[in-house]
Structure formats: C-alpha cells, structure tokens
Amino acid sequence: PRFPFIASSQVVETRTEARLQARTSDLSREGCYLDMLNPLPTGTRLKISVMHQNQELDAVGRVVHSELNVGMGIQFEEIGQRAVIDSWLAELA
C-alpha cells in the first residue's frame, strides 16, 4: 500500500549525474511519487535521497510513470536503509 508522505528529496539521474530537487507525495515499500515540474522520462534510472524527521533514506530506482508539470512515479530497485523506510511506513499505517 501507498501512504501520503510529504518529505524533501534529491534526485540524481545516474547517466548524467544531473541533480534535481523534488518532494514526495506518497511512499510505499516498493516506491514513491515525486512532485516536480520537469520530471525525468519513463525508464530513467536514478538515485534518490529522501529526508524526513532528521532521517535519510537512500535508494536506487527507475521512473515508471512521468507526467510533465505534475511529477513521476519511482519504483525502488535498491534501498540503502530498510529500517528507515520500515519505521516511516509503520508510523503511516
């Protein structure tokens, strides 16, 4: 399940190392949605860092949905701190 989750995020496109700022709007164990005006194209691989309540979650993922002026859906491929995301999701459940 996805839960509403507002947090600041930094995205790094892995091919070009371009850095973008975003904001999460929802979170699940499998991925998240990032609100941003200029989302990356579907299929783009990226690194994401999510900051919330003085904790940081680092993950690698892929864009699975992209809508200009709205945002992009990310599917996680690797999660660096599983305990961090588990604690966030437990609070949201």
C-alpha atoms as a PDB file:
ATOM      1  CA  PRO A   1       0.000   0.000   0.000  1.00  0.00           C
ATOM      2  CA  ARG A   2       0.987   3.602  -0.633  1.00  0.00           C
ATOM      3  CA  PHE A   3       0.602   6.221   2.062  1.00  0.00           C
ATOM      4  CA  PRO A   4       0.522  10.025   1.781  1.00  0.00           C
ATOM      5  CA  PHE A   5       4.043  11.140   2.743  1.00  0.00           C
ATOM      6  CA  ILE A   6       5.464  14.643   2.362  1.00  0.00           C
ATOM      7  CA  ALA A   7       9.263  14.923   2.507  1.00  0.00           C
ATOM      8  CA  SER A   8      12.026  16.751   0.665  1.00  0.00           C
ATOM      9  CA  SER A   9      14.010  14.699  -1.805  1.00  0.00           C
ATOM     10  CA  GLN A  10      17.041  14.980  -4.014  1.00  0.00           C
ATOM     11  CA  VAL A  11      17.204  13.015  -7.241  1.00  0.00           C
ATOM     12  CA  VAL A  12      20.381  12.255  -9.191  1.00  0.00           C
ATOM     13  CA  GLU A  13      19.975  10.945 -12.731  1.00  0.00           C
ATOM     14  CA  THR A  14      22.600   8.178 -12.883  1.00  0.00           C
ATOM     15  CA  ARG A  15      23.691   8.651 -16.520  1.00  0.00           C
ATOM     16  CA  THR A  16      24.370  12.406 -16.444  1.00  0.00           C
ATOM     17  CA  GLU A  17      24.683  12.972 -12.658  1.00  0.00           C
ATOM     18  CA  ALA A  18      22.118  15.804 -13.021  1.00  0.00           C
ATOM     19  CA  ARG A  19      20.731  16.784  -9.587  1.00  0.00           C
ATOM     20  CA  LEU A  20      17.104  17.752  -9.115  1.00  0.00           C
ATOM     21  CA  GLN A  21      15.059  18.789  -6.084  1.00  0.00           C
ATOM     22  CA  ALA A  22      11.658  17.217  -5.533  1.00  0.00           C
ATOM     23  CA  ARG A  23       9.062  16.486  -2.885  1.00  0.00           C
ATOM     24  CA  THR A  24       7.498  13.127  -2.159  1.00  0.00           C
ATOM     25  CA  SER A  25       3.721  12.953  -2.066  1.00  0.00           C
ATOM     26  CA  ASP A  26       3.372   9.257  -1.267  1.00  0.00           C
ATOM     27  CA  LEU A  27       5.525   6.328  -0.184  1.00  0.00           C
ATOM     28  CA  SER A  28       5.370   2.530  -0.196  1.00  0.00           C
ATOM     29  CA  ARG A  29       7.868  -0.254   0.325  1.00  0.00           C
ATOM     30  CA  GLU A  30       8.142  -0.549  -3.487  1.00  0.00           C
ATOM     31  CA  GLY A  31       8.445   3.113  -4.453  1.00  0.00           C
ATOM     32  CA  CYS A  32       7.274   6.684  -4.150  1.00  0.00           C
ATOM     33  CA  TYR A  33       5.776   9.546  -6.109  1.00  0.00           C
ATOM     34  CA  LEU A  34       7.794  12.728  -6.564  1.00  0.00           C
ATOM     35  CA  ASP A  35       6.086  16.052  -7.232  1.00  0.00           C
ATOM     36  CA  MET A  36       8.116  18.138  -9.691  1.00  0.00           C
ATOM     37  CA  LEU A  37       7.539  20.367 -12.706  1.00  0.00           C
ATOM     38  CA  ASN A  38      10.101  18.734 -15.006  1.00  0.00           C
ATOM     39  CA  PRO A  39      10.119  15.001 -14.260  1.00  0.00           C
ATOM     40  CA  LEU A  40      12.555  12.627 -15.911  1.00  0.00           C
ATOM     41  CA  PRO A  41      11.378  10.344 -18.740  1.00  0.00           C
ATOM     42  CA  THR A  42       9.924   6.904 -18.066  1.00  0.00           C
ATOM     43  CA  GLY A  43      12.691   4.310 -17.793  1.00  0.00           C
ATOM     44  CA  THR A  44      15.300   6.716 -16.377  1.00  0.00           C
ATOM     45  CA  ARG A  45      17.457   5.171 -13.643  1.00  0.00           C
ATOM     46  CA  LEU A  46      18.143   7.410 -10.662  1.00  0.00           C
ATOM     47  CA  LYS A  47      19.416   7.713  -7.130  1.00  0.00           C
ATOM     48  CA  ILE A  48      17.064   9.281  -4.618  1.00  0.00           C
ATOM     49  CA  SER A  49      17.632  10.652  -1.131  1.00  0.00           C
ATOM     50  CA  VAL A  50      14.565  11.357   0.992  1.00  0.00           C
ATOM     51  CA  MET A  51      14.888  13.452   4.157  1.00  0.00           C
ATOM     52  CA  HIS A  52      12.216  13.224   6.872  1.00  0.00           C
ATOM     53  CA  GLN A  53      12.397  13.871  10.632  1.00  0.00           C
ATOM     54  CA  ASN A  54      16.210  14.013  10.638  1.00  0.00           C
ATOM     55  CA  GLN A  55      16.467  10.632   8.928  1.00  0.00           C
ATOM     56  CA  GLU A  56      17.630   9.950   5.392  1.00  0.00           C
ATOM     57  CA  LEU A  57      16.625   7.180   3.030  1.00  0.00           C
ATOM     58  CA  ASP A  58      18.898   6.446   0.060  1.00  0.00           C
ATOM     59  CA  ALA A  59      17.589   4.323  -2.780  1.00  0.00           C
ATOM     60  CA  VAL A  60      18.175   3.477  -6.414  1.00  0.00           C
ATOM     61  CA  GLY A  61      15.142   3.302  -8.639  1.00  0.00           C
ATOM     62  CA  ARG A  62      13.593   3.741 -12.033  1.00  0.00           C
ATOM     63  CA  VAL A  63      10.937   6.127 -13.334  1.00  0.00           C
ATOM     64  CA  VAL A  64       7.818   4.072 -14.133  1.00  0.00           C
ATOM     65  CA  HIS A  65       5.414   6.974 -14.721  1.00  0.00           C
ATOM     66  CA  SER A  66       6.170  10.561 -15.759  1.00  0.00           C
ATOM     67  CA  GLU A  67       3.753  13.461 -16.235  1.00  0.00           C
ATOM     68  CA  LEU A  68       5.031  16.930 -17.203  1.00  0.00           C
ATOM     69  CA  ASN A  69       4.224  19.663 -14.647  1.00  0.00           C
ATOM     70  CA  VAL A  70       2.995  17.026 -12.168  1.00  0.00           C
ATOM     71  CA  GLY A  71       5.696  14.527 -11.227  1.00  0.00           C
ATOM     72  CA  MET A  72       6.944  10.988 -11.577  1.00  0.00           C
ATOM     73  CA  GLY A  73       6.368   7.583 -10.046  1.00  0.00           C
ATOM     74  CA  ILE A  74       9.515   5.784  -8.881  1.00  0.00           C
ATOM     75  CA  GLN A  75       9.944   2.047  -8.395  1.00  0.00           C
ATOM     76  CA  PHE A  76      12.732   1.230  -5.949  1.00  0.00           C
ATOM     77  CA  GLU A  77      15.345  -1.286  -7.103  1.00  0.00           C
ATOM     78  CA  GLU A  78      17.648  -0.992  -4.076  1.00  0.00           C
ATOM     79  CA  ILE A  79      17.015   0.570  -0.666  1.00  0.00           C
ATOM     80  CA  GLY A  80      20.002   1.543   1.451  1.00  0.00           C
ATOM     81  CA  GLN A  81      18.328   1.802   4.858  1.00  0.00           C
ATOM     82  CA  ARG A  82      15.489  -0.712   5.043  1.00  0.00           C
ATOM     83  CA  ALA A  83      14.973   0.061   8.759  1.00  0.00           C
ATOM     84  CA  VAL A  84      14.324   3.742   7.970  1.00  0.00           C
ATOM     85  CA  ILE A  85      11.602   3.074   5.399  1.00  0.00           C
ATOM     86  CA  ASP A  86      10.077   0.379   7.631  1.00  0.00           C
ATOM     87  CA  SER A  87       9.830   2.822  10.548  1.00  0.00           C
ATOM     88  CA  TRP A  88       8.277   5.526   8.343  1.00  0.00           C
ATOM     89  CA  LEU A  89       5.715   3.099   6.933  1.00  0.00           C
ATOM     90  CA  ALA A  90       4.891   1.756  10.409  1.00  0.00           C
ATOM     91  CA  GLU A  91       4.096   5.319  11.535  1.00  0.00           C
ATOM     92  CA  LEU A  92       1.876   5.867   8.486  1.00  0.00           C
ATOM     93  CA  ALA A  93      -0.048   2.575   8.737  1.00  0.00           C
END
